[in-house]
Amino acid sequence: MYKRIEVKKLSGGEIFKNVGDKKFSVLEFWRYGFSNLNSNVLRGALAEFILENALKIDSEIDVRNPWGDSDVISPNRKKIEVKCCSYIQDWDQNNLSKILWSGLKAKSLYWSSAVSAFPRSPEDYKSDIYVLALFKHQDPATLDILDMDQWCFWVLTKDKIKEITKNGNSVSLIKLQKFKIESISFGSLNKAILDL
């Protein structure tokens, strides 16, 4: 059996090896592959990173595990699922995107025969808390995804998600408004989550 290799944080200064007279670093790879933070491929991971920073100091933030049953573990050990939407996408649009967070339910994601038999569990809500992140800015000319004033968040318990979705797998902004659930700012995330 081959055990999963522990992942350690990189600094960005690590240099690729055995490349002849070339010289390029992990930081250059990050710039190449991950500079477009508003890409649908990256925005979700960015929202997770934002939440980690709202809850913890840098030394408490571990390397992201894309195979985990939840996205973030709060300081009080609650499992948090983070979902992210944006009005403005990474492609030409005629209209702003409609806001719908999906994939609220999940099956066990990580599985290996080295660990256990294949789980045949149905989809379910796997986290204690759901943070719905919205990159709310609507003007491409002034879009700044690093500006927390251009974001808002909804923090909901698993029971509240079940209630408003009628045990469904997605929730729209319209549904949150119908239930009079107010958004909060980045600065309020820590307290909102720790108070649950």
N, C-alpha and C. Protein backbone atom coordinates (compact mmCIF):
# COMPACT_ATOMS: atom_id res chain seq x y z
N MET A 1 0.85 -1.18 0.00
CA MET A 1 0.00 0.00 0.00
C MET A 1 0.89 1.25 0.00
N TYR A 2 0.47 2.24 -0.78
CA TYR A 2 1.17 3.52 -0.84
C TYR A 2 0.36 4.54 -0.06
N LYS A 3 0.95 5.11 0.96
CA LYS A 3 0.27 6.11 1.77
C LYS A 3 0.32 7.46 1.07
N ARG A 4 -0.71 8.25 1.30
CA ARG A 4 -0.78 9.61 0.76
C ARG A 4 0.41 10.41 1.28
N ILE A 5 1.07 11.09 0.39
CA ILE A 5 2.22 11.92 0.76
C ILE A 5 1.71 13.18 1.44
N GLU A 6 2.27 13.50 2.59
CA GLU A 6 1.88 14.72 3.29
C GLU A 6 2.26 15.93 2.44
N VAL A 7 1.33 16.86 2.31
CA VAL A 7 1.56 18.07 1.51
C VAL A 7 1.99 19.18 2.45
N LYS A 8 3.06 19.86 2.09
CA LYS A 8 3.56 20.98 2.89
C LYS A 8 3.44 22.26 2.07
N LYS A 9 3.23 23.36 2.77
CA LYS A 9 3.15 24.65 2.09
C LYS A 9 4.46 24.97 1.40
N LEU A 10 4.35 25.46 0.18
CA LEU A 10 5.51 25.92 -0.56
C LEU A 10 5.65 27.43 -0.37
N SER A 11 6.83 27.93 -0.57
CA SER A 11 7.06 29.38 -0.44
C SER A 11 6.88 30.10 -1.76
N GLY A 12 7.00 29.37 -2.85
CA GLY A 12 6.99 29.98 -4.18
C GLY A 12 8.39 30.11 -4.73
N GLY A 13 9.38 30.10 -3.86
CA GLY A 13 10.77 30.25 -4.29
C GLY A 13 11.42 28.94 -4.75
N GLU A 14 10.72 27.83 -4.59
CA GLU A 14 11.28 26.55 -4.99
C GLU A 14 11.55 26.55 -6.49
N ILE A 15 12.69 26.00 -6.89
CA ILE A 15 13.13 26.02 -8.29
C ILE A 15 12.96 24.63 -8.90
N PHE A 16 12.46 24.58 -10.14
CA PHE A 16 12.38 23.31 -10.86
C PHE A 16 13.79 22.80 -11.13
N LYS A 17 13.95 21.48 -11.09
CA LYS A 17 15.27 20.86 -11.18
C LYS A 17 15.47 20.17 -12.52
N ASN A 18 16.73 19.99 -12.88
CA ASN A 18 17.11 19.26 -14.09
C ASN A 18 16.48 19.87 -15.35
N VAL A 19 16.59 21.19 -15.49
CA VAL A 19 16.01 21.90 -16.63
C VAL A 19 17.09 22.55 -17.50
N GLY A 20 18.30 22.02 -17.45
CA GLY A 20 19.38 22.58 -18.26
C GLY A 20 19.73 23.98 -17.81
N ASP A 21 19.85 24.90 -18.79
CA ASP A 21 20.23 26.27 -18.44
C ASP A 21 19.01 27.15 -18.15
N LYS A 22 17.84 26.55 -18.12
CA LYS A 22 16.62 27.30 -17.77
C LYS A 22 16.54 27.45 -16.26
N LYS A 23 15.75 28.42 -15.81
CA LYS A 23 15.50 28.59 -14.39
C LYS A 23 14.08 29.12 -14.24
N PHE A 24 13.23 28.33 -13.59
CA PHE A 24 11.87 28.79 -13.31
C PHE A 24 11.39 28.19 -11.99
N SER A 25 10.51 28.94 -11.35
CA SER A 25 10.14 28.63 -9.96
C SER A 25 8.66 28.28 -9.83
N VAL A 26 8.31 27.81 -8.65
CA VAL A 26 6.91 27.55 -8.32
C VAL A 26 6.11 28.85 -8.39
N LEU A 27 6.68 29.97 -7.95
CA LEU A 27 5.98 31.25 -8.03
C LEU A 27 5.63 31.58 -9.48
N GLU A 28 6.55 31.33 -10.39
CA GLU A 28 6.27 31.59 -11.81
C GLU A 28 5.15 30.67 -12.31
N PHE A 29 5.12 29.43 -11.84
CA PHE A 29 4.02 28.53 -12.19
C PHE A 29 2.70 29.06 -11.65
N TRP A 30 2.70 29.53 -10.40
CA TRP A 30 1.47 30.08 -9.82
C TRP A 30 0.99 31.28 -10.64
N ARG A 31 1.93 32.16 -11.03
CA ARG A 31 1.55 33.32 -11.85
C ARG A 31 0.94 32.88 -13.17
N TYR A 32 1.54 31.86 -13.76
CA TYR A 32 1.08 31.33 -15.05
C TYR A 32 -0.32 30.69 -14.93
N GLY A 33 -0.49 29.84 -13.96
CA GLY A 33 -1.69 29.03 -13.89
C GLY A 33 -2.81 29.57 -13.04
N PHE A 34 -2.50 30.51 -12.14
CA PHE A 34 -3.49 30.87 -11.14
C PHE A 34 -3.66 32.38 -10.94
N SER A 35 -3.32 33.18 -11.93
CA SER A 35 -3.47 34.62 -11.80
C SER A 35 -4.91 35.09 -12.00
N ASN A 36 -5.70 34.33 -12.74
CA ASN A 36 -7.08 34.73 -13.00
C ASN A 36 -7.98 34.24 -11.88
N LEU A 37 -8.03 34.99 -10.79
CA LEU A 37 -8.77 34.58 -9.61
C LEU A 37 -10.28 34.58 -9.81
N ASN A 38 -10.78 35.27 -10.84
CA ASN A 38 -12.22 35.26 -11.10
C ASN A 38 -12.63 34.10 -12.02
N SER A 39 -11.71 33.25 -12.36
CA SER A 39 -12.03 32.07 -13.15
C SER A 39 -12.90 31.13 -12.32
N ASN A 40 -13.89 30.51 -12.95
CA ASN A 40 -14.74 29.56 -12.23
C ASN A 40 -13.91 28.42 -11.63
N VAL A 41 -12.79 28.11 -12.24
CA VAL A 41 -11.93 27.04 -11.76
C VAL A 41 -11.28 27.41 -10.42
N LEU A 42 -10.99 28.69 -10.22
CA LEU A 42 -10.26 29.13 -9.03
C LEU A 42 -11.10 29.86 -7.99
N ARG A 43 -12.21 30.46 -8.40
CA ARG A 43 -12.95 31.33 -7.49
C ARG A 43 -13.41 30.58 -6.24
N GLY A 44 -13.81 29.32 -6.36
CA GLY A 44 -14.24 28.54 -5.20
C GLY A 44 -13.11 28.34 -4.20
N ALA A 45 -11.92 27.99 -4.71
CA ALA A 45 -10.76 27.83 -3.83
C ALA A 45 -10.40 29.16 -3.18
N LEU A 46 -10.55 30.26 -3.93
CA LEU A 46 -10.29 31.59 -3.37
C LEU A 46 -11.28 31.88 -2.24
N ALA A 47 -12.54 31.54 -2.41
CA ALA A 47 -13.54 31.77 -1.36
C ALA A 47 -13.19 30.96 -0.11
N GLU A 48 -12.71 29.74 -0.29
CA GLU A 48 -12.27 28.93 0.85
C GLU A 48 -11.10 29.61 1.56
N PHE A 49 -10.15 30.12 0.79
CA PHE A 49 -8.98 30.81 1.35
C PHE A 49 -9.41 32.07 2.12
N ILE A 50 -10.36 32.80 1.56
CA ILE A 50 -10.88 34.00 2.23
C ILE A 50 -11.49 33.61 3.57
N LEU A 51 -12.29 32.54 3.59
CA LEU A 51 -12.92 32.10 4.83
C LEU A 51 -11.86 31.64 5.85
N GLU A 52 -10.88 30.88 5.39
CA GLU A 52 -9.79 30.46 6.28
C GLU A 52 -9.17 31.68 6.96
N ASN A 53 -8.94 32.73 6.19
CA ASN A 53 -8.32 33.94 6.73
C ASN A 53 -9.25 34.71 7.65
N ALA A 54 -10.55 34.60 7.45
CA ALA A 54 -11.51 35.24 8.35
C ALA A 54 -11.51 34.54 9.71
N LEU A 55 -11.21 33.24 9.72
CA LEU A 55 -11.32 32.44 10.94
C LEU A 55 -10.01 32.22 11.69
N LYS A 56 -8.89 32.30 10.98
CA LYS A 56 -7.62 31.85 11.57
C LYS A 56 -6.49 32.82 11.26
N ILE A 57 -5.41 32.68 12.01
CA ILE A 57 -4.18 33.39 11.67
C ILE A 57 -3.41 32.52 10.69
N ASP A 58 -2.47 33.11 9.97
CA ASP A 58 -1.76 32.42 8.89
C ASP A 58 -1.16 31.08 9.31
N SER A 59 -0.54 31.03 10.47
CA SER A 59 0.12 29.80 10.89
C SER A 59 -0.86 28.66 11.18
N GLU A 60 -2.14 28.97 11.34
CA GLU A 60 -3.17 27.95 11.57
C GLU A 60 -3.79 27.43 10.28
N ILE A 61 -3.49 28.08 9.17
CA ILE A 61 -4.08 27.70 7.90
C ILE A 61 -3.22 26.64 7.23
N ASP A 62 -3.82 25.49 7.01
CA ASP A 62 -3.10 24.37 6.42
C ASP A 62 -3.24 24.43 4.89
N VAL A 63 -2.59 23.52 4.21
CA VAL A 63 -2.72 23.40 2.76
C VAL A 63 -4.12 22.89 2.44
N ARG A 64 -4.73 23.44 1.43
CA ARG A 64 -6.08 23.03 1.01
C ARG A 64 -6.10 21.56 0.62
N ASN A 65 -7.14 20.87 1.07
CA ASN A 65 -7.33 19.47 0.70
C ASN A 65 -8.57 19.36 -0.19
N PRO A 66 -8.41 19.27 -1.52
CA PRO A 66 -9.57 19.22 -2.40
C PRO A 66 -10.37 17.92 -2.28
N TRP A 67 -9.85 16.93 -1.55
CA TRP A 67 -10.53 15.64 -1.41
C TRP A 67 -11.26 15.50 -0.08
N GLY A 68 -11.26 16.52 0.73
CA GLY A 68 -11.90 16.44 2.04
C GLY A 68 -13.41 16.43 1.96
N ASP A 69 -14.05 15.94 3.01
CA ASP A 69 -15.51 15.93 3.08
C ASP A 69 -16.07 17.32 3.37
N SER A 70 -15.21 18.25 3.75
CA SER A 70 -15.63 19.64 3.94
C SER A 70 -14.47 20.52 3.49
N ASP A 71 -14.76 21.79 3.27
CA ASP A 71 -13.75 22.70 2.74
C ASP A 71 -12.87 23.32 3.82
N VAL A 72 -13.48 23.65 4.95
CA VAL A 72 -12.78 24.35 6.02
C VAL A 72 -13.22 23.74 7.35
N ILE A 73 -12.30 23.64 8.28
CA ILE A 73 -12.64 23.24 9.66
C ILE A 73 -12.48 24.49 10.52
N SER A 74 -13.54 24.86 11.21
CA SER A 74 -13.50 26.08 12.02
C SER A 74 -12.66 25.85 13.28
N PRO A 75 -12.25 26.93 13.94
CA PRO A 75 -11.49 26.78 15.19
C PRO A 75 -12.25 25.97 16.25
N ASN A 76 -13.59 25.98 16.20
CA ASN A 76 -14.35 25.17 17.16
C ASN A 76 -14.74 23.81 16.57
N ARG A 77 -13.96 23.37 15.54
CA ARG A 77 -14.01 22.02 14.95
C ARG A 77 -15.29 21.72 14.18
N LYS A 78 -15.98 22.73 13.71
CA LYS A 78 -17.15 22.49 12.87
C LYS A 78 -16.72 22.39 11.41
N LYS A 79 -17.37 21.49 10.68
CA LYS A 79 -17.08 21.31 9.26
C LYS A 79 -17.87 22.34 8.46
N ILE A 80 -17.17 23.02 7.55
CA ILE A 80 -17.78 24.09 6.77
C ILE A 80 -17.66 23.77 5.28
N GLU A 81 -18.76 23.89 4.58
CA GLU A 81 -18.78 23.79 3.12
C GLU A 81 -18.87 25.21 2.58
N VAL A 82 -18.02 25.54 1.61
CA VAL A 82 -18.02 26.88 1.02
C VAL A 82 -18.45 26.75 -0.44
N LYS A 83 -19.46 27.54 -0.81
CA LYS A 83 -19.91 27.59 -2.20
C LYS A 83 -19.78 29.04 -2.67
N CYS A 84 -19.45 29.22 -3.93
CA CYS A 84 -19.15 30.57 -4.42
C CYS A 84 -19.83 30.84 -5.75
N CYS A 85 -20.34 32.04 -5.92
CA CYS A 85 -20.94 32.51 -7.17
C CYS A 85 -20.43 33.92 -7.48
N SER A 86 -20.65 34.32 -8.72
CA SER A 86 -20.28 35.67 -9.16
C SER A 86 -21.23 36.14 -10.24
N TYR A 87 -21.51 37.43 -10.25
CA TYR A 87 -22.32 37.99 -11.34
C TYR A 87 -21.52 38.07 -12.63
N ILE A 88 -20.22 38.37 -12.50
CA ILE A 88 -19.35 38.56 -13.66
C ILE A 88 -18.45 37.33 -13.78
N GLN A 89 -18.48 36.72 -14.95
CA GLN A 89 -17.71 35.51 -15.20
C GLN A 89 -16.43 35.84 -15.96
N ASP A 90 -15.71 34.81 -16.28
CA ASP A 90 -14.44 34.93 -16.99
C ASP A 90 -14.63 34.75 -18.50
N TRP A 91 -15.75 35.19 -19.00
CA TRP A 91 -16.04 35.13 -20.43
C TRP A 91 -16.97 36.28 -20.79
N ASP A 92 -17.13 36.55 -22.06
CA ASP A 92 -18.04 37.61 -22.49
C ASP A 92 -19.47 37.23 -22.11
N GLN A 93 -20.23 38.21 -21.64
CA GLN A 93 -21.60 37.98 -21.20
C GLN A 93 -22.53 39.04 -21.76
N ASN A 94 -23.75 38.64 -22.09
CA ASN A 94 -24.78 39.62 -22.45
C ASN A 94 -25.49 40.14 -21.21
N ASN A 95 -25.55 39.29 -20.19
CA ASN A 95 -26.24 39.63 -18.94
C ASN A 95 -25.42 39.14 -17.76
N LEU A 96 -25.68 39.72 -16.61
CA LEU A 96 -25.07 39.21 -15.39
C LEU A 96 -25.58 37.80 -15.12
N SER A 97 -24.75 36.99 -14.50
CA SER A 97 -25.15 35.61 -14.18
C SER A 97 -26.21 35.61 -13.08
N LYS A 98 -27.13 34.65 -13.17
CA LYS A 98 -28.10 34.43 -12.09
C LYS A 98 -27.36 33.70 -10.97
N ILE A 99 -27.68 34.05 -9.75
CA ILE A 99 -26.94 33.51 -8.61
C ILE A 99 -27.64 32.26 -8.06
N LEU A 100 -26.93 31.14 -8.17
CA LEU A 100 -27.42 29.84 -7.70
C LEU A 100 -26.24 29.03 -7.20
N TRP A 101 -26.26 28.68 -5.92
CA TRP A 101 -25.23 27.85 -5.34
C TRP A 101 -25.70 26.40 -5.42
N SER A 102 -24.92 25.55 -6.06
CA SER A 102 -25.33 24.15 -6.20
C SER A 102 -24.29 23.23 -5.58
N GLY A 103 -24.60 21.94 -5.59
CA GLY A 103 -23.68 20.97 -5.00
C GLY A 103 -23.65 21.02 -3.49
N LEU A 104 -24.78 21.37 -2.87
CA LEU A 104 -24.83 21.47 -1.41
C LEU A 104 -24.74 20.09 -0.76
N LYS A 105 -25.24 19.08 -1.46
CA LYS A 105 -25.15 17.71 -0.98
C LYS A 105 -24.00 17.02 -1.70
N ALA A 106 -23.44 16.01 -1.06
CA ALA A 106 -22.34 15.29 -1.69
C ALA A 106 -22.29 13.86 -1.18
N LYS A 107 -21.67 13.02 -1.99
CA LYS A 107 -21.32 11.67 -1.54
C LYS A 107 -19.93 11.77 -0.93
N SER A 108 -19.50 10.70 -0.27
CA SER A 108 -18.13 10.68 0.22
C SER A 108 -17.21 10.85 -0.98
N LEU A 109 -16.37 11.87 -0.96
CA LEU A 109 -15.55 12.19 -2.12
C LEU A 109 -14.28 11.36 -2.17
N TYR A 110 -13.57 11.32 -1.06
CA TYR A 110 -12.30 10.61 -1.07
C TYR A 110 -12.55 9.14 -0.80
N TRP A 111 -12.03 8.29 -1.66
CA TRP A 111 -12.12 6.86 -1.44
C TRP A 111 -10.93 6.18 -2.07
N SER A 112 -10.44 5.18 -1.38
CA SER A 112 -9.37 4.34 -1.89
C SER A 112 -9.54 2.96 -1.30
N SER A 113 -9.36 1.93 -2.11
CA SER A 113 -9.47 0.57 -1.59
C SER A 113 -8.39 0.30 -0.54
N ALA A 114 -7.35 1.13 -0.50
CA ALA A 114 -6.31 1.00 0.53
C ALA A 114 -6.83 1.40 1.90
N VAL A 115 -7.96 2.12 1.92
CA VAL A 115 -8.50 2.62 3.18
C VAL A 115 -9.74 1.84 3.62
N SER A 116 -10.67 1.60 2.68
CA SER A 116 -11.92 0.94 3.06
C SER A 116 -12.63 0.40 1.82
N ALA A 117 -13.71 -0.31 2.08
CA ALA A 117 -14.56 -0.75 0.97
C ALA A 117 -15.25 0.48 0.38
N PHE A 118 -15.66 0.38 -0.88
CA PHE A 118 -16.29 1.52 -1.54
C PHE A 118 -17.58 1.89 -0.83
N PRO A 119 -17.72 3.15 -0.40
CA PRO A 119 -18.95 3.56 0.30
C PRO A 119 -20.10 3.73 -0.69
N ARG A 120 -21.22 3.22 -0.35
CA ARG A 120 -22.39 3.36 -1.21
C ARG A 120 -23.42 4.27 -0.55
N SER A 121 -22.94 5.29 0.08
CA SER A 121 -23.83 6.20 0.78
C SER A 121 -24.52 7.15 -0.21
N PRO A 122 -25.75 7.53 0.09
CA PRO A 122 -26.45 8.50 -0.76
C PRO A 122 -25.88 9.90 -0.54
N GLU A 123 -26.22 10.81 -1.45
CA GLU A 123 -25.81 12.20 -1.24
C GLU A 123 -26.49 12.75 0.01
N ASP A 124 -25.75 13.54 0.74
CA ASP A 124 -26.29 14.14 1.95
C ASP A 124 -25.52 15.42 2.24
N TYR A 125 -26.01 16.19 3.20
CA TYR A 125 -25.30 17.38 3.66
C TYR A 125 -24.19 16.91 4.59
N LYS A 126 -22.95 17.13 4.20
CA LYS A 126 -21.82 16.56 4.94
C LYS A 126 -21.20 17.54 5.94
N SER A 127 -21.61 18.80 5.90
CA SER A 127 -21.00 19.80 6.77
C SER A 127 -22.00 20.32 7.79
N ASP A 128 -21.46 20.94 8.83
CA ASP A 128 -22.28 21.54 9.89
C ASP A 128 -22.77 22.93 9.49
N ILE A 129 -21.91 23.64 8.74
CA ILE A 129 -22.17 25.03 8.37
C ILE A 129 -21.93 25.18 6.87
N TYR A 130 -22.76 26.02 6.24
CA TYR A 130 -22.62 26.32 4.81
C TYR A 130 -22.40 27.82 4.66
N VAL A 131 -21.30 28.18 4.02
CA VAL A 131 -21.01 29.57 3.73
C VAL A 131 -21.20 29.77 2.23
N LEU A 132 -22.16 30.60 1.89
CA LEU A 132 -22.44 30.93 0.50
C LEU A 132 -21.77 32.27 0.22
N ALA A 133 -20.75 32.22 -0.61
CA ALA A 133 -19.98 33.43 -0.93
C ALA A 133 -20.46 33.98 -2.26
N LEU A 134 -20.58 35.28 -2.34
CA LEU A 134 -20.97 35.94 -3.59
C LEU A 134 -19.97 37.06 -3.88
N PHE A 135 -19.27 36.93 -5.00
CA PHE A 135 -18.49 38.06 -5.50
C PHE A 135 -19.50 38.95 -6.21
N LYS A 136 -20.01 39.95 -5.48
CA LYS A 136 -21.21 40.69 -5.85
C LYS A 136 -20.98 41.84 -6.81
N HIS A 137 -19.75 42.21 -7.05
CA HIS A 137 -19.47 43.39 -7.88
C HIS A 137 -20.01 43.19 -9.29
N GLN A 138 -20.57 44.25 -9.89
CA GLN A 138 -21.25 44.10 -11.17
C GLN A 138 -20.70 45.00 -12.28
N ASP A 139 -19.59 45.68 -12.03
CA ASP A 139 -19.01 46.56 -13.04
C ASP A 139 -17.62 46.05 -13.42
N PRO A 140 -17.47 45.49 -14.63
CA PRO A 140 -16.16 44.95 -15.03
C PRO A 140 -15.03 45.98 -14.97
N ALA A 141 -15.36 47.25 -15.17
CA ALA A 141 -14.33 48.29 -15.19
C ALA A 141 -13.69 48.49 -13.82
N THR A 142 -14.42 48.22 -12.73
CA THR A 142 -13.88 48.45 -11.39
C THR A 142 -13.79 47.16 -10.58
N LEU A 143 -13.94 46.02 -11.23
CA LEU A 143 -13.87 44.73 -10.55
C LEU A 143 -12.51 44.55 -9.90
N ASP A 144 -12.51 44.19 -8.63
CA ASP A 144 -11.27 43.90 -7.89
C ASP A 144 -11.57 42.76 -6.93
N ILE A 145 -11.29 41.55 -7.35
CA ILE A 145 -11.66 40.37 -6.57
C ILE A 145 -10.92 40.29 -5.24
N LEU A 146 -9.87 41.08 -5.06
CA LEU A 146 -9.15 41.11 -3.80
C LEU A 146 -9.75 42.09 -2.79
N ASP A 147 -10.74 42.86 -3.22
CA ASP A 147 -11.41 43.86 -2.37
C ASP A 147 -12.59 43.20 -1.66
N MET A 148 -12.49 43.01 -0.36
CA MET A 148 -13.54 42.32 0.38
C MET A 148 -14.86 43.09 0.40
N ASP A 149 -14.83 44.39 0.07
CA ASP A 149 -16.08 45.14 -0.04
C ASP A 149 -16.87 44.73 -1.29
N GLN A 150 -16.25 44.02 -2.21
CA GLN A 150 -16.94 43.54 -3.40
C GLN A 150 -17.49 42.12 -3.21
N TRP A 151 -17.43 41.61 -1.99
CA TRP A 151 -17.93 40.30 -1.64
C TRP A 151 -19.02 40.42 -0.57
N CYS A 152 -19.88 39.40 -0.49
CA CYS A 152 -20.78 39.24 0.65
C CYS A 152 -20.97 37.74 0.89
N PHE A 153 -21.49 37.40 2.07
CA PHE A 153 -21.55 36.01 2.49
C PHE A 153 -22.84 35.74 3.26
N TRP A 154 -23.32 34.52 3.17
CA TRP A 154 -24.43 34.03 3.97
C TRP A 154 -23.90 32.83 4.75
N VAL A 155 -24.16 32.78 6.04
CA VAL A 155 -23.72 31.68 6.88
C VAL A 155 -24.97 30.97 7.38
N LEU A 156 -25.08 29.68 7.02
CA LEU A 156 -26.28 28.92 7.36
C LEU A 156 -25.91 27.58 7.98
N THR A 157 -26.69 27.14 8.94
CA THR A 157 -26.49 25.81 9.50
C THR A 157 -27.01 24.78 8.50
N LYS A 158 -26.62 23.55 8.71
CA LYS A 158 -27.12 22.45 7.88
C LYS A 158 -28.65 22.38 7.95
N ASP A 159 -29.20 22.55 9.14
CA ASP A 159 -30.66 22.49 9.29
C ASP A 159 -31.35 23.61 8.53
N LYS A 160 -30.76 24.81 8.51
CA LYS A 160 -31.36 25.93 7.77
C LYS A 160 -31.29 25.68 6.27
N ILE A 161 -30.17 25.14 5.79
CA ILE A 161 -30.05 24.80 4.37
C ILE A 161 -31.12 23.78 3.98
N LYS A 162 -31.29 22.74 4.82
CA LYS A 162 -32.31 21.73 4.55
C LYS A 162 -33.70 22.36 4.47
N GLU A 163 -33.96 23.26 5.41
CA GLU A 163 -35.28 23.91 5.46
C GLU A 163 -35.55 24.75 4.21
N ILE A 164 -34.64 25.63 3.86
CA ILE A 164 -34.93 26.55 2.75
C ILE A 164 -34.85 25.88 1.38
N THR A 165 -34.09 24.77 1.27
CA THR A 165 -34.01 24.07 -0.02
C THR A 165 -34.99 22.92 -0.10
N LYS A 166 -35.74 22.67 0.99
CA LYS A 166 -36.63 21.50 1.07
C LYS A 166 -35.85 20.23 0.78
N ASN A 167 -34.68 20.13 1.45
CA ASN A 167 -33.77 19.00 1.33
C ASN A 167 -33.18 18.88 -0.07
N GLY A 168 -33.03 20.01 -0.74
CA GLY A 168 -32.51 20.03 -2.10
C GLY A 168 -30.99 20.20 -2.17
N ASN A 169 -30.50 20.27 -3.39
CA ASN A 169 -29.05 20.32 -3.63
C ASN A 169 -28.56 21.70 -4.04
N SER A 170 -29.47 22.67 -4.17
CA SER A 170 -29.05 24.02 -4.57
C SER A 170 -29.96 25.06 -3.93
N VAL A 171 -29.46 26.29 -3.90
CA VAL A 171 -30.25 27.40 -3.36
C VAL A 171 -29.91 28.65 -4.17
N SER A 172 -30.93 29.42 -4.48
CA SER A 172 -30.74 30.66 -5.25
C SER A 172 -30.71 31.87 -4.33
N LEU A 173 -30.18 32.96 -4.85
CA LEU A 173 -30.21 34.23 -4.12
C LEU A 173 -31.66 34.64 -3.87
N ILE A 174 -32.51 34.42 -4.84
CA ILE A 174 -33.94 34.76 -4.70
C ILE A 174 -34.55 34.02 -3.50
N LYS A 175 -34.18 32.74 -3.33
CA LYS A 175 -34.71 31.95 -2.20
C LYS A 175 -34.21 32.52 -0.88
N LEU A 176 -32.93 32.91 -0.80
CA LEU A 176 -32.41 33.50 0.43
C LEU A 176 -33.17 34.79 0.76
N GLN A 177 -33.43 35.60 -0.26
CA GLN A 177 -34.17 36.84 -0.05
C GLN A 177 -35.60 36.56 0.39
N LYS A 178 -36.21 35.53 -0.18
CA LYS A 178 -37.58 35.15 0.19
C LYS A 178 -37.64 34.78 1.66
N PHE A 179 -36.60 34.10 2.16
CA PHE A 179 -36.55 33.71 3.56
C PHE A 179 -35.98 34.81 4.45
N LYS A 180 -35.72 35.98 3.86
CA LYS A 180 -35.21 37.16 4.58
C LYS A 180 -33.89 36.86 5.31
N ILE A 181 -33.04 36.11 4.65
CA ILE A 181 -31.72 35.82 5.20
C ILE A 181 -30.76 36.88 4.66
N GLU A 182 -30.19 37.63 5.56
CA GLU A 182 -29.34 38.76 5.20
C GLU A 182 -27.89 38.33 4.98
N SER A 183 -27.23 38.99 4.05
CA SER A 183 -25.81 38.73 3.83
C SER A 183 -25.00 39.46 4.90
N ILE A 184 -23.75 39.01 5.04
CA ILE A 184 -22.83 39.67 5.97
C ILE A 184 -21.53 39.98 5.23
N SER A 185 -20.73 40.82 5.84
CA SER A 185 -19.45 41.22 5.26
C SER A 185 -18.34 40.28 5.73
N PHE A 186 -17.18 40.40 5.10
CA PHE A 186 -16.01 39.63 5.49
C PHE A 186 -15.71 39.81 6.99
N GLY A 187 -15.79 41.04 7.46
CA GLY A 187 -15.47 41.33 8.86
C GLY A 187 -16.39 40.68 9.87
N SER A 188 -17.56 40.22 9.43
CA SER A 188 -18.52 39.58 10.34
C SER A 188 -18.49 38.06 10.28
N LEU A 189 -17.70 37.50 9.37
CA LEU A 189 -17.69 36.04 9.17
C LEU A 189 -17.28 35.28 10.43
N ASN A 190 -16.19 35.70 11.05
CA ASN A 190 -15.66 34.98 12.20
C ASN A 190 -16.72 34.84 13.29
N LYS A 191 -17.31 35.95 13.68
CA LYS A 191 -18.30 35.92 14.75
C LYS A 191 -19.51 35.11 14.35
N ALA A 192 -19.99 35.28 13.12
CA ALA A 192 -21.18 34.55 12.66
C ALA A 192 -20.98 33.05 12.74
N ILE A 193 -19.80 32.59 12.39
CA ILE A 193 -19.52 31.14 12.39
C ILE A 193 -19.28 30.64 13.80
N LEU A 194 -18.52 31.35 14.58
CA LEU A 194 -18.22 30.88 15.93
C LEU A 194 -19.42 30.96 16.86
N ASP A 195 -20.41 31.80 16.52
CA ASP A 195 -21.63 31.90 17.33
C ASP A 195 -22.61 30.76 17.04
N LEU A 196 -22.39 29.99 15.98
CA LEU A 196 -23.32 28.90 15.65
C LEU A 196 -23.07 27.67 16.50
